[in-house]
Each structure stands twice: as structure tokens, then as C-alpha cells.
Amino acid sequence: MRGLRLPPRIKVLEALGAIADGRITRIGGPCYRVVSSDGSREYTVYVDVERRIVYSDDNGTRFRGYTGYPIIAALMLSHVLPFNKRVAEGLKGVKWRELNEKYRRYSVVEEIVKARAAERGVRREELESLVASVMASLRGMRLKLIDTFREDMCRSGGTGLSRWLGAGDERAGNEPRAEAPAAPHEASA
């Protein structure tokens, strides 16, 4: 396992957009499926908050070593990271991949997206406050990436992960928390 770095701030916005678009689905236990903004890619996400262990096959997580937006979205839906529905709705429908490929600079894309959110009634200060809160929470979590993912890890109760870790691992007997409620918590404005 290796530690994940903090993501670029724009990845928090991308996670909020994925939730607003309905592109993230819980597939069982601690696992989620996330569809890219253009629908061409699908990512598998695993989050075990108690052990601070995660997995995602998105490029940012796998190849760049930071917490990718699919993990951030899953942690929001798991009530671990702050979430604000109104801010998320302001980011609905953004074609992230298209913008990233066109401008090739996160700072430029971030400004475009913030302007669109402002047109939809989301104040820049409100958006910045939520991003800062999520980044602070991620900083404190110190997430670690597991190298391999197996579908049986998605079984409710964590039996798949326990088997994957093996009987000799001191963490193998620990069971993850019960399933999180369906709706994410709201961050204060």
C-alpha cells in the first residue's frame, strides 16, 4: 500500500459534479461505480474509512498518486467528507473531460467552472469554503491506496477484504461500519 497525496482542488468540484449528475452508484458494501462526465469510462471505487484504505482505477489515483474525484465522491456519499447539495447542483452537467482536454490547465478549467456555478447562483466564497473544508478533511485522513482490487471486496460487512488481507493480518478480523445512510450530510454554508 502507498499513501495518496492531496488532489488538485478542482477534483473536489469534479466529485460534486459527479454526484449532482447521478454518475456514482453504490454497488455493494463499501464499493461504488463512477461514470466519467462523457460516459466513456467507468471507475470502480472501494473505501474503508476505518482502515483508511481506498482503491480507484481512475488515472489521478493510479498513475499520479493523488486522491481522485471518484474516491472523493464516494467519501461524500459515505458521509465522511463535507457535501453541499446546492453547490453540487451548480456544477451539474459540466463536461470535465472535454474542458480538461481543451484547456490542459486545471487553473483555467477551474475558473470556467466557477463562473458557470456563479451563473447558477453559487457564490464563489461558498464554493471555496466547501473545497477548503473537503481538502482539510482529506489532509487529516491520510488515505492509503491498495494495489489490487477484487469484486468480492464489495460484499457488505467487509468479508471480501478480510479474506484478501489474510488471516495473519492483524486487521483481518475488524469489520467495517454498517452501511452509510443513503443521502450525504450537508456542509454548513
Protein backbone atom coordinates (compact mmCIF):
# COMPACT_ATOMS: atom_id res chain seq x y z
CA MET A 1 0.00 0.00 0.00
CA ARG A 2 1.12 3.53 -0.62
CA GLY A 3 -0.11 6.84 0.75
CA LEU A 4 -2.13 9.11 -1.51
CA ARG A 5 -1.32 12.79 -1.94
CA LEU A 6 -3.91 15.55 -1.75
CA PRO A 7 -5.65 16.11 -5.09
CA PRO A 8 -5.72 19.29 -7.11
CA ARG A 9 -8.57 21.40 -5.69
CA ILE A 10 -10.55 21.06 -8.90
CA LYS A 11 -11.06 17.36 -8.14
CA VAL A 12 -13.39 18.33 -5.27
CA LEU A 13 -15.52 20.24 -7.78
CA GLU A 14 -15.45 17.29 -10.17
CA ALA A 15 -16.64 14.96 -7.38
CA LEU A 16 -19.53 17.30 -6.57
CA GLY A 17 -20.48 17.39 -10.25
CA ALA A 18 -20.42 13.58 -10.48
CA ILE A 19 -22.84 13.35 -7.55
CA ALA A 20 -25.16 16.02 -8.99
CA ASP A 21 -25.15 14.25 -12.36
CA GLY A 22 -26.07 10.93 -10.73
CA ARG A 23 -22.92 9.30 -12.12
CA ILE A 24 -21.99 7.48 -8.91
CA THR A 25 -23.72 4.30 -7.78
CA ARG A 26 -23.15 2.16 -4.72
CA ILE A 27 -22.63 -1.39 -5.99
CA GLY A 28 -22.41 -3.17 -2.67
CA GLY A 29 -20.83 -2.75 0.73
CA PRO A 30 -18.03 -0.19 0.53
CA CYS A 31 -17.86 -0.15 -3.29
CA TYR A 32 -19.05 2.34 -5.88
CA ARG A 33 -19.11 2.65 -9.65
CA VAL A 34 -18.43 6.12 -11.13
CA VAL A 35 -19.04 7.03 -14.77
CA SER A 36 -16.93 9.76 -16.39
CA SER A 37 -18.59 13.02 -17.47
CA ASP A 38 -18.59 11.98 -21.14
CA GLY A 39 -19.73 8.43 -20.37
CA SER A 40 -16.69 6.82 -22.00
CA ARG A 41 -15.09 5.49 -18.81
CA GLU A 42 -16.25 3.71 -15.70
CA TYR A 43 -14.30 3.61 -12.46
CA THR A 44 -14.52 1.16 -9.57
CA VAL A 45 -14.07 2.63 -6.10
CA TYR A 46 -13.54 0.96 -2.72
CA VAL A 47 -13.47 2.94 0.54
CA ASP A 48 -12.76 1.56 4.00
CA VAL A 49 -12.77 4.63 6.21
CA GLU A 50 -11.87 2.87 9.46
CA ARG A 51 -8.70 1.41 7.95
CA ARG A 52 -8.13 4.48 5.74
CA ILE A 53 -7.75 2.15 2.78
CA VAL A 54 -9.11 3.06 -0.65
CA TYR A 55 -8.96 1.94 -4.26
CA SER A 56 -9.94 3.56 -7.53
CA ASP A 57 -8.85 2.84 -11.06
CA ASP A 58 -9.06 6.47 -12.24
CA ASN A 59 -5.88 7.94 -13.72
CA GLY A 60 -5.26 10.50 -10.98
CA THR A 61 -5.30 7.88 -8.28
CA ARG A 62 -3.45 5.10 -10.11
CA PHE A 63 -0.82 6.99 -12.05
CA ARG A 64 -0.45 10.36 -10.35
CA GLY A 65 -0.77 9.19 -6.76
CA TYR A 66 -3.44 11.61 -5.53
CA THR A 67 -6.95 11.02 -4.22
CA GLY A 68 -9.03 11.08 -7.39
CA TYR A 69 -12.50 12.54 -7.75
CA PRO A 70 -14.22 9.11 -7.71
CA ILE A 71 -12.84 8.45 -4.20
CA ILE A 72 -13.82 11.95 -3.06
CA ALA A 73 -17.37 11.45 -4.36
CA ALA A 74 -17.64 8.06 -2.63
CA LEU A 75 -16.43 9.57 0.65
CA MET A 76 -19.02 12.34 0.32
CA LEU A 77 -21.79 9.80 -0.23
CA SER A 78 -20.44 7.80 2.73
CA HIS A 79 -20.91 10.90 4.94
CA VAL A 80 -17.17 11.16 5.58
CA LEU A 81 -16.43 14.33 3.61
CA PRO A 82 -18.48 17.55 3.64
CA PHE A 83 -21.13 17.88 0.94
CA ASN A 84 -23.48 20.68 -0.09
CA LYS A 85 -26.29 19.78 -2.47
CA ARG A 86 -26.83 23.35 -3.69
CA VAL A 87 -23.16 23.74 -4.59
CA ALA A 88 -23.19 20.33 -6.29
CA GLU A 89 -26.25 21.32 -8.35
CA GLY A 90 -24.32 24.39 -9.52
CA LEU A 91 -21.73 22.01 -11.00
CA LYS A 92 -24.23 19.70 -12.69
CA GLY A 93 -23.67 18.92 -16.36
CA VAL A 94 -20.05 20.07 -16.60
CA LYS A 95 -18.16 18.16 -19.30
CA TRP A 96 -14.97 17.80 -17.28
CA ARG A 97 -13.01 15.66 -19.68
CA GLU A 98 -13.82 17.91 -22.63
CA LEU A 99 -12.73 21.03 -20.72
CA ASN A 100 -9.57 19.38 -19.36
CA GLU A 101 -8.53 18.22 -22.82
CA LYS A 102 -9.31 21.55 -24.45
CA TYR A 103 -7.53 23.81 -21.94
CA ARG A 104 -4.97 21.37 -20.45
CA ARG A 105 -4.63 23.51 -17.31
CA TYR A 106 -6.66 22.87 -14.19
CA SER A 107 -6.49 26.55 -13.20
CA VAL A 108 -8.21 27.61 -16.43
CA VAL A 109 -10.86 24.89 -16.18
CA GLU A 110 -11.48 25.74 -12.53
CA GLU A 111 -12.18 29.38 -13.39
CA ILE A 112 -14.60 28.37 -16.17
CA VAL A 113 -16.44 26.00 -13.86
CA LYS A 114 -16.62 28.55 -11.03
CA ALA A 115 -18.08 31.11 -13.44
CA ARG A 116 -20.75 28.60 -14.53
CA ALA A 117 -21.58 27.83 -10.91
CA ALA A 118 -21.88 31.58 -10.20
CA GLU A 119 -24.34 31.89 -13.10
CA ARG A 120 -26.40 29.23 -11.32
CA GLY A 121 -26.42 31.15 -8.04
CA VAL A 122 -23.47 29.58 -6.22
CA ARG A 123 -21.30 32.25 -4.63
CA ARG A 124 -17.55 31.86 -5.16
CA GLU A 125 -16.96 32.18 -1.40
CA GLU A 126 -19.41 29.35 -0.71
CA LEU A 127 -17.68 27.12 -3.25
CA GLU A 128 -14.19 27.99 -1.94
CA SER A 129 -15.26 27.32 1.65
CA LEU A 130 -16.56 23.86 0.76
CA VAL A 131 -13.42 22.99 -1.21
CA ALA A 132 -11.22 24.14 1.70
CA SER A 133 -13.26 22.06 4.14
CA VAL A 134 -13.01 18.92 1.98
CA MET A 135 -9.26 19.41 1.46
CA ALA A 136 -8.72 19.83 5.23
CA SER A 137 -10.68 16.64 5.89
CA LEU A 138 -8.68 14.72 3.26
CA ARG A 139 -5.42 16.04 4.73
CA GLY A 140 -6.36 14.57 8.11
CA MET A 141 -7.43 11.20 6.70
CA ARG A 142 -4.06 10.15 5.25
CA LEU A 143 -5.59 7.62 2.85
CA LYS A 144 -3.65 4.62 1.60
CA LEU A 145 -4.18 3.01 -1.79
CA ILE A 146 -4.44 -0.77 -2.04
CA ASP A 147 -2.68 -2.12 -5.11
CA THR A 148 -5.22 -4.74 -6.15
CA PHE A 149 -9.00 -4.78 -6.22
CA ARG A 150 -11.26 -7.81 -6.29
CA GLU A 151 -15.05 -7.79 -6.68
CA ASP A 152 -15.53 -9.90 -3.54
CA MET A 153 -14.24 -6.94 -1.53
CA CYS A 154 -17.61 -5.30 -2.20
CA ARG A 155 -19.56 -7.71 -0.04
CA SER A 156 -21.36 -5.93 2.75
CA GLY A 157 -19.58 -6.40 6.06
CA GLY A 158 -16.09 -6.46 4.56
CA THR A 159 -15.72 -10.25 4.34
CA GLY A 160 -14.05 -9.95 0.96
CA LEU A 161 -11.39 -7.56 2.24
CA SER A 162 -10.74 -9.71 5.33
CA ARG A 163 -10.13 -12.69 3.08
CA TRP A 164 -7.95 -10.57 0.78
CA LEU A 165 -5.84 -9.32 3.70
CA GLY A 166 -5.44 -12.87 5.01
CA ALA A 167 -5.84 -14.46 8.40
CA GLY A 168 -2.36 -13.41 9.53
CA ASP A 169 -3.08 -9.70 9.14
CA GLU A 170 -3.99 -8.02 12.42
CA ARG A 171 -6.69 -6.01 10.64
CA ALA A 172 -8.40 -9.03 9.10
CA GLY A 173 -10.89 -9.53 11.93
CA ASN A 174 -12.03 -5.90 12.04
CA GLU A 175 -15.30 -5.37 10.27
CA PRO A 176 -16.13 -2.05 8.60
CA ARG A 177 -19.02 0.06 9.84
CA ALA A 178 -22.57 -0.71 8.83
CA GLU A 179 -23.71 0.78 5.53
CA ALA A 180 -23.98 4.53 5.48
CA PRO A 181 -27.36 6.22 5.06
CA ALA A 182 -28.43 6.99 1.50
CA ALA A 183 -28.04 10.79 1.48
CA PRO A 184 -24.78 12.69 2.15
CA HIS A 185 -24.61 15.19 5.00
CA GLU A 186 -24.79 18.85 4.23
CA ALA A 187 -21.84 21.11 4.92
CA SER A 188 -22.64 24.34 6.66
CA ALA A 189 -22.77 27.32 4.35
